[in-house]
């Protein structure tokens, strides 16, 4: 029987260039109640992240196109993704390899081969830590963390258009097509708004726009 207790349909992004590992780990995690998206390398993962922001990322270190180090660097630089827990998988198990992985921005470093149960335990531990952090934030009457934004935040006309489309649930790529600009331009606008508002992700940005009657 599929175990869905306490997982709350958490979304994971699994990235590895080994199709056999992807298949085995994805099946195991889904059996344990998680929703799992997959990618073969860092560049493909960025495309997935643009459409769906997961609750946690499980990533191989050595991959073609874009390796785990480059991917986690990108993730930590983007306000939309910088709080996502990242678990590195690697065949390199020396102390210096672990230290490098953690210093580069990973939260957990696991060495291949690994026991599936240990992977699940690490995932649950990381998600529990994130949940405790979220529960520590101020909450409104509905139990949802309150959106707190400085009162003097001013958006440019273009930023206002972008946040209105974000509030409608559109992805950066779709917004770029509608406004006839590059996707990178939209990402920059979103990043700027997150910095102005001190919000953490697109979801909070959308809530702020709706609650502030901008959308």
Protein backbone atom coordinates (compact mmCIF):
# COMPACT_ATOMS: atom_id res chain seq x y z
CA UNK A 1 0.00 0.00 0.00
CA UNK A 2 1.23 3.47 -0.86
CA UNK A 3 2.29 5.42 2.22
CA UNK A 4 0.78 8.90 2.10
CA UNK A 5 0.68 9.59 5.81
CA UNK A 6 2.26 12.89 6.91
CA UNK A 7 3.71 13.61 3.45
CA UNK A 8 1.03 16.19 2.57
CA UNK A 9 1.71 15.64 -1.14
CA UNK A 10 5.18 17.16 -0.83
CA UNK A 11 6.87 17.74 -4.18
CA UNK A 12 10.45 16.60 -4.79
CA UNK A 13 12.72 17.28 -7.76
CA UNK A 14 15.10 14.39 -8.47
CA UNK A 15 18.06 15.17 -10.76
CA UNK A 16 20.49 12.52 -12.02
CA UNK A 17 21.92 11.48 -15.39
CA UNK A 18 21.60 7.77 -14.49
CA UNK A 19 18.18 6.63 -15.78
CA UNK A 20 18.27 3.48 -13.64
CA UNK A 21 18.80 5.47 -10.46
CA UNK A 22 16.07 7.91 -11.48
CA UNK A 23 13.63 5.05 -12.02
CA UNK A 24 14.41 3.24 -8.77
CA UNK A 25 14.53 6.29 -6.51
CA UNK A 26 11.46 7.91 -8.09
CA UNK A 27 9.42 4.74 -7.63
CA UNK A 28 10.55 4.38 -4.02
CA UNK A 29 9.80 8.00 -3.11
CA UNK A 30 6.40 7.90 -4.83
CA UNK A 31 5.62 4.68 -2.96
CA UNK A 32 6.39 6.59 0.23
CA UNK A 33 3.83 9.25 -0.71
CA UNK A 34 5.86 11.98 -2.42
CA UNK A 35 5.20 13.62 -5.79
CA UNK A 36 8.42 13.43 -7.79
CA UNK A 37 9.51 15.41 -10.86
CA UNK A 38 12.76 14.40 -12.58
CA UNK A 39 15.52 15.94 -14.68
CA UNK A 40 18.68 14.54 -16.25
CA UNK A 41 20.97 17.51 -15.55
CA UNK A 42 21.11 20.98 -14.07
CA UNK A 43 19.91 22.81 -17.17
CA UNK A 44 16.87 20.59 -17.51
CA UNK A 45 16.24 21.07 -13.78
CA UNK A 46 16.12 24.85 -14.22
CA UNK A 47 13.36 24.42 -16.81
CA UNK A 48 11.40 22.29 -14.35
CA UNK A 49 11.97 24.84 -11.57
CA UNK A 50 10.53 27.59 -13.76
CA UNK A 51 7.25 25.69 -13.96
CA UNK A 52 7.07 24.05 -10.52
CA UNK A 53 8.93 24.96 -7.34
CA UNK A 54 9.45 21.78 -5.27
CA UNK A 55 9.62 21.41 -1.51
CA UNK A 56 13.04 19.75 -1.80
CA UNK A 57 15.69 18.95 -4.41
CA UNK A 58 17.68 15.71 -4.61
CA UNK A 59 20.59 16.20 -6.97
CA UNK A 60 23.54 14.24 -8.34
CA UNK A 61 26.83 16.15 -8.22
CA UNK A 62 28.56 15.05 -11.42
CA UNK A 63 26.31 15.56 -14.46
CA UNK A 64 26.72 16.76 -18.06
CA UNK A 65 25.41 20.16 -19.25
CA UNK A 66 25.32 21.61 -15.70
CA UNK A 67 26.64 19.81 -12.62
CA UNK A 68 25.23 19.91 -9.12
CA UNK A 69 27.58 22.63 -7.91
CA UNK A 70 26.54 25.04 -10.67
CA UNK A 71 22.86 24.22 -10.13
CA UNK A 72 22.91 24.77 -6.38
CA UNK A 73 24.77 28.04 -6.90
CA UNK A 74 21.94 29.20 -9.18
CA UNK A 75 19.32 27.99 -6.70
CA UNK A 76 20.90 29.86 -3.79
CA UNK A 77 21.20 33.08 -5.81
CA UNK A 78 17.50 33.18 -6.73
CA UNK A 79 15.06 34.45 -4.06
CA UNK A 80 12.36 32.17 -5.44
CA UNK A 81 14.39 29.02 -4.73
CA UNK A 82 17.05 29.92 -2.19
CA UNK A 83 15.25 28.33 0.80
CA UNK A 84 14.64 24.96 -0.88
CA UNK A 85 16.54 22.16 0.92
CA UNK A 86 19.06 20.47 -1.39
CA UNK A 87 20.36 16.94 -0.92
CA UNK A 88 23.49 16.02 -2.88
CA UNK A 89 24.08 12.48 -4.13
CA UNK A 90 27.66 11.60 -5.05
CA UNK A 91 29.95 8.64 -5.61
CA UNK A 92 32.71 10.67 -3.96
CA UNK A 93 32.73 9.99 -0.26
CA UNK A 94 35.97 11.54 0.96
CA UNK A 95 35.80 14.11 3.74
CA UNK A 96 36.92 16.93 1.44
CA UNK A 97 34.16 16.02 -1.04
CA UNK A 98 31.49 16.22 1.68
CA UNK A 99 32.87 19.52 2.95
CA UNK A 100 32.90 20.98 -0.56
CA UNK A 101 29.31 19.89 -1.21
CA UNK A 102 28.04 21.45 2.01
CA UNK A 103 30.10 24.61 1.50
CA UNK A 104 28.68 24.97 -2.02
CA UNK A 105 25.16 25.18 -0.63
CA UNK A 106 23.83 21.65 -0.18
CA UNK A 107 22.01 20.88 3.09
CA UNK A 108 22.69 17.14 3.03
CA UNK A 109 25.44 15.08 1.35
CA UNK A 110 24.86 11.37 0.75
CA UNK A 111 27.31 8.94 -0.80
CA UNK A 112 26.30 6.40 -3.46
CA UNK A 113 25.38 3.62 -3.09
CA UNK A 114 22.87 4.39 -0.35
CA UNK A 115 19.95 2.69 1.32
CA UNK A 116 16.57 4.02 0.16
CA UNK A 117 15.37 4.18 3.76
CA UNK A 118 18.25 6.48 4.66
CA UNK A 119 17.38 8.76 1.73
CA UNK A 120 13.76 8.97 2.89
CA UNK A 121 14.92 9.69 6.45
CA UNK A 122 17.12 12.54 5.23
CA UNK A 123 14.28 13.96 3.11
CA UNK A 124 11.83 13.82 6.02
CA UNK A 125 14.38 15.41 8.37
CA UNK A 126 15.05 18.30 5.97
CA UNK A 127 11.35 18.92 5.35
CA UNK A 128 10.65 18.82 9.09
CA UNK A 129 13.31 21.46 9.70
CA UNK A 130 11.77 23.66 7.01
CA UNK A 131 8.31 23.16 8.52
CA UNK A 132 9.57 24.18 11.97
CA UNK A 133 11.04 27.35 10.46
CA UNK A 134 7.76 28.17 8.72
CA UNK A 135 5.76 27.51 11.89
CA UNK A 136 7.95 29.99 13.73
CA UNK A 137 6.85 32.83 11.46
CA UNK A 138 3.91 35.11 12.39
CA UNK A 139 0.54 33.75 11.24
CA UNK A 140 -2.75 35.35 10.38
CA UNK A 141 -6.21 34.34 11.56
CA UNK A 142 -6.41 31.67 8.86
CA UNK A 143 -3.27 29.97 10.17
CA UNK A 144 -1.28 30.90 7.07
CA UNK A 145 2.00 32.79 7.63
CA UNK A 146 1.25 36.52 7.44
CA UNK A 147 2.57 38.38 4.42
CA UNK A 148 4.54 41.27 5.91
CA UNK A 149 5.85 43.84 3.42
CA UNK A 150 7.35 47.28 4.12
CA UNK A 151 4.68 49.97 3.63
CA UNK A 152 6.87 52.07 1.34
CA UNK A 153 7.41 49.44 -1.37
CA UNK A 154 6.89 50.93 -4.83
CA UNK A 155 6.68 48.86 -8.00
CA UNK A 156 7.46 50.07 -11.49
CA UNK A 157 4.63 49.85 -14.06
CA UNK A 158 6.29 46.78 -15.60
CA UNK A 159 6.74 45.10 -12.21
CA UNK A 160 3.06 45.73 -11.50
CA UNK A 161 2.11 43.98 -14.77
CA UNK A 162 4.40 41.07 -13.92
CA UNK A 163 3.11 40.59 -10.36
CA UNK A 164 -0.48 40.67 -11.62
CA UNK A 165 0.32 37.81 -13.99
CA UNK A 166 2.22 35.95 -11.26
CA UNK A 167 -0.93 36.24 -9.12
CA UNK A 168 -2.87 34.57 -11.94
CA UNK A 169 -0.58 31.56 -11.63
CA UNK A 170 1.38 32.13 -14.82
CA UNK A 171 4.96 30.84 -15.09
CA UNK A 172 7.85 33.15 -15.98
CA UNK A 173 7.98 31.71 -19.49
CA UNK A 174 4.28 32.41 -20.09
CA UNK A 175 4.61 35.95 -18.72
CA UNK A 176 7.59 36.58 -21.00
CA UNK A 177 5.59 35.46 -24.02
CA UNK A 178 2.62 37.64 -23.10
CA UNK A 179 4.77 40.74 -22.52
CA UNK A 180 7.01 39.96 -25.50
CA UNK A 181 10.26 40.02 -23.54
CA UNK A 182 12.86 37.42 -22.59
CA UNK A 183 12.28 34.96 -19.78
CA UNK A 184 15.43 36.25 -18.10
CA UNK A 185 13.91 39.75 -18.03
CA UNK A 186 10.86 38.42 -16.19
CA UNK A 187 13.10 36.52 -13.76
CA UNK A 188 14.94 39.78 -13.05
CA UNK A 189 11.66 41.61 -12.37
CA UNK A 190 10.50 38.86 -10.02
CA UNK A 191 13.86 38.86 -8.25
CA UNK A 192 13.75 42.64 -7.87
CA UNK A 193 10.25 42.51 -6.39
CA UNK A 194 11.26 39.79 -3.94
CA UNK A 195 14.19 41.92 -2.83
CA UNK A 196 11.97 45.02 -2.46
CA UNK A 197 9.32 43.18 -0.47
CA UNK A 198 11.63 40.81 1.48
CA UNK A 199 9.32 37.97 0.48
CA UNK A 200 10.70 34.49 -0.12
CA UNK A 201 9.03 33.13 -3.25
CA UNK A 202 6.52 33.66 -6.05
CA UNK A 203 3.70 32.19 -3.96
CA UNK A 204 4.12 34.86 -1.28
CA UNK A 205 4.47 37.50 -4.00
CA UNK A 206 1.17 36.38 -5.51
CA UNK A 207 -0.57 36.41 -2.11
CA UNK A 208 0.74 39.91 -1.43
CA UNK A 209 -0.56 41.12 -4.81
CA UNK A 210 -3.99 39.63 -4.18
CA UNK A 211 -4.25 40.79 -0.55
CA UNK A 212 -3.11 44.28 -1.58
CA UNK A 213 -5.75 44.41 -4.36
CA UNK A 214 -3.10 44.73 -7.06
CA UNK A 215 -4.39 41.64 -8.83
